[in-house]
């Protein structure tokens, strides 16, 4: 039982936050949602985490993209943003209302 609980807790740590941009909002009409995910998450783990976080939905496809860090200026100081990984998840079934504000 503790192994199952650990696995579920790990799945909740995979999805960091949804990415809300103009492009990602247009993709919601096709059933595609964009999430920032853990750097070491696999496509299978991402699909399991989405299905667990949003019950009643089935994941058809997961595409992942590595987002490298880039230079950013704040006043006269230069710095770098953190690198990250995002996943574009195609959902089969009902849309996720929590993300699209409906």
Protein backbone atom coordinates (compact mmCIF):
# COMPACT_ATOMS: atom_id res chain seq x y z
CA UNK A 1 0.00 0.00 0.00
CA UNK A 2 2.82 2.42 0.74
CA UNK A 3 4.27 1.79 -2.72
CA UNK A 4 0.92 2.73 -4.31
CA UNK A 5 0.67 5.88 -2.19
CA UNK A 6 4.22 6.88 -3.13
CA UNK A 7 3.41 6.37 -6.81
CA UNK A 8 0.31 8.59 -6.56
CA UNK A 9 2.23 11.31 -4.73
CA UNK A 10 4.90 11.16 -7.42
CA UNK A 11 2.25 11.61 -10.13
CA UNK A 12 0.97 14.75 -8.41
CA UNK A 13 4.51 16.18 -8.39
CA UNK A 14 4.88 15.75 -12.16
CA UNK A 15 2.47 18.50 -13.23
CA UNK A 16 3.69 21.90 -12.01
CA UNK A 17 1.15 24.28 -13.58
CA UNK A 18 -0.87 24.87 -16.75
CA UNK A 19 0.65 27.27 -19.27
CA UNK A 20 -1.91 29.86 -20.32
CA UNK A 21 -0.93 31.68 -23.51
CA UNK A 22 -2.84 32.86 -26.55
CA UNK A 23 -1.55 29.93 -28.59
CA UNK A 24 -2.37 27.34 -25.91
CA UNK A 25 -5.90 28.74 -25.49
CA UNK A 26 -6.54 28.39 -29.23
CA UNK A 27 -5.37 24.76 -29.03
CA UNK A 28 -8.00 23.95 -26.39
CA UNK A 29 -10.62 23.87 -29.14
CA UNK A 30 -8.73 20.83 -30.50
CA UNK A 31 -8.56 19.23 -27.05
CA UNK A 32 -4.88 20.10 -26.51
CA UNK A 33 -3.73 21.47 -23.18
CA UNK A 34 -0.25 22.72 -22.24
CA UNK A 35 1.35 22.07 -18.85
CA UNK A 36 4.72 22.80 -17.30
CA UNK A 37 6.03 19.45 -16.07
CA UNK A 38 8.97 18.07 -14.14
CA UNK A 39 12.23 17.87 -16.09
CA UNK A 40 12.64 14.13 -15.54
CA UNK A 41 9.01 13.14 -16.28
CA UNK A 42 8.35 10.67 -19.08
CA UNK A 43 5.41 10.79 -21.48
CA UNK A 44 3.78 7.77 -19.80
CA UNK A 45 4.07 9.38 -16.35
CA UNK A 46 2.63 12.65 -17.68
CA UNK A 47 -0.35 10.81 -19.19
CA UNK A 48 -1.00 8.95 -15.92
CA UNK A 49 -0.75 12.19 -13.91
CA UNK A 50 -3.22 14.01 -16.20
CA UNK A 51 -5.72 11.14 -16.05
CA UNK A 52 -5.42 11.07 -12.27
CA UNK A 53 -5.68 14.85 -11.85
CA UNK A 54 -8.69 15.14 -14.18
CA UNK A 55 -10.83 12.00 -13.78
CA UNK A 56 -13.09 11.01 -16.65
CA UNK A 57 -10.63 12.14 -19.33
CA UNK A 58 -8.50 9.88 -21.51
CA UNK A 59 -5.11 11.05 -22.81
CA UNK A 60 -4.67 10.32 -26.52
CA UNK A 61 -1.25 11.86 -27.10
CA UNK A 62 1.57 13.55 -25.17
CA UNK A 63 4.21 15.73 -26.81
CA UNK A 64 7.07 17.15 -24.75
CA UNK A 65 9.28 20.16 -25.42
CA UNK A 66 12.45 21.17 -23.60
CA UNK A 67 12.47 24.92 -23.00
CA UNK A 68 16.09 26.12 -22.55
CA UNK A 69 16.98 29.08 -20.36
CA UNK A 70 17.50 32.45 -21.99
CA UNK A 71 19.04 35.77 -21.03
CA UNK A 72 16.81 38.31 -19.34
CA UNK A 73 17.53 41.85 -18.31
CA UNK A 74 16.13 43.46 -15.17
CA UNK A 75 17.24 47.08 -15.06
CA UNK A 76 20.98 47.16 -15.54
CA UNK A 77 21.49 43.59 -14.32
CA UNK A 78 21.55 40.58 -16.63
CA UNK A 79 20.36 37.17 -15.57
CA UNK A 80 19.00 33.91 -16.94
CA UNK A 81 15.60 32.28 -16.67
CA UNK A 82 15.28 28.69 -15.49
CA UNK A 83 15.11 25.96 -18.10
CA UNK A 84 11.93 23.91 -18.04
CA UNK A 85 9.93 21.23 -19.81
CA UNK A 86 6.41 21.56 -21.14
CA UNK A 87 3.96 18.94 -22.28
CA UNK A 88 1.21 19.37 -24.85
CA UNK A 89 -1.45 16.82 -23.92
CA UNK A 90 -4.28 15.83 -26.27
CA UNK A 91 -7.39 14.85 -24.30
CA UNK A 92 -10.17 12.63 -25.61
CA UNK A 93 -13.55 13.42 -24.09
CA UNK A 94 -14.94 16.42 -22.25
CA UNK A 95 -12.88 19.64 -22.15
CA UNK A 96 -11.15 20.66 -18.92
CA UNK A 97 -13.27 23.58 -17.69
CA UNK A 98 -10.89 24.54 -14.86
CA UNK A 99 -8.21 25.58 -17.36
CA UNK A 100 -10.34 27.45 -19.88
CA UNK A 101 -12.33 29.38 -17.29
CA UNK A 102 -15.72 27.89 -18.15
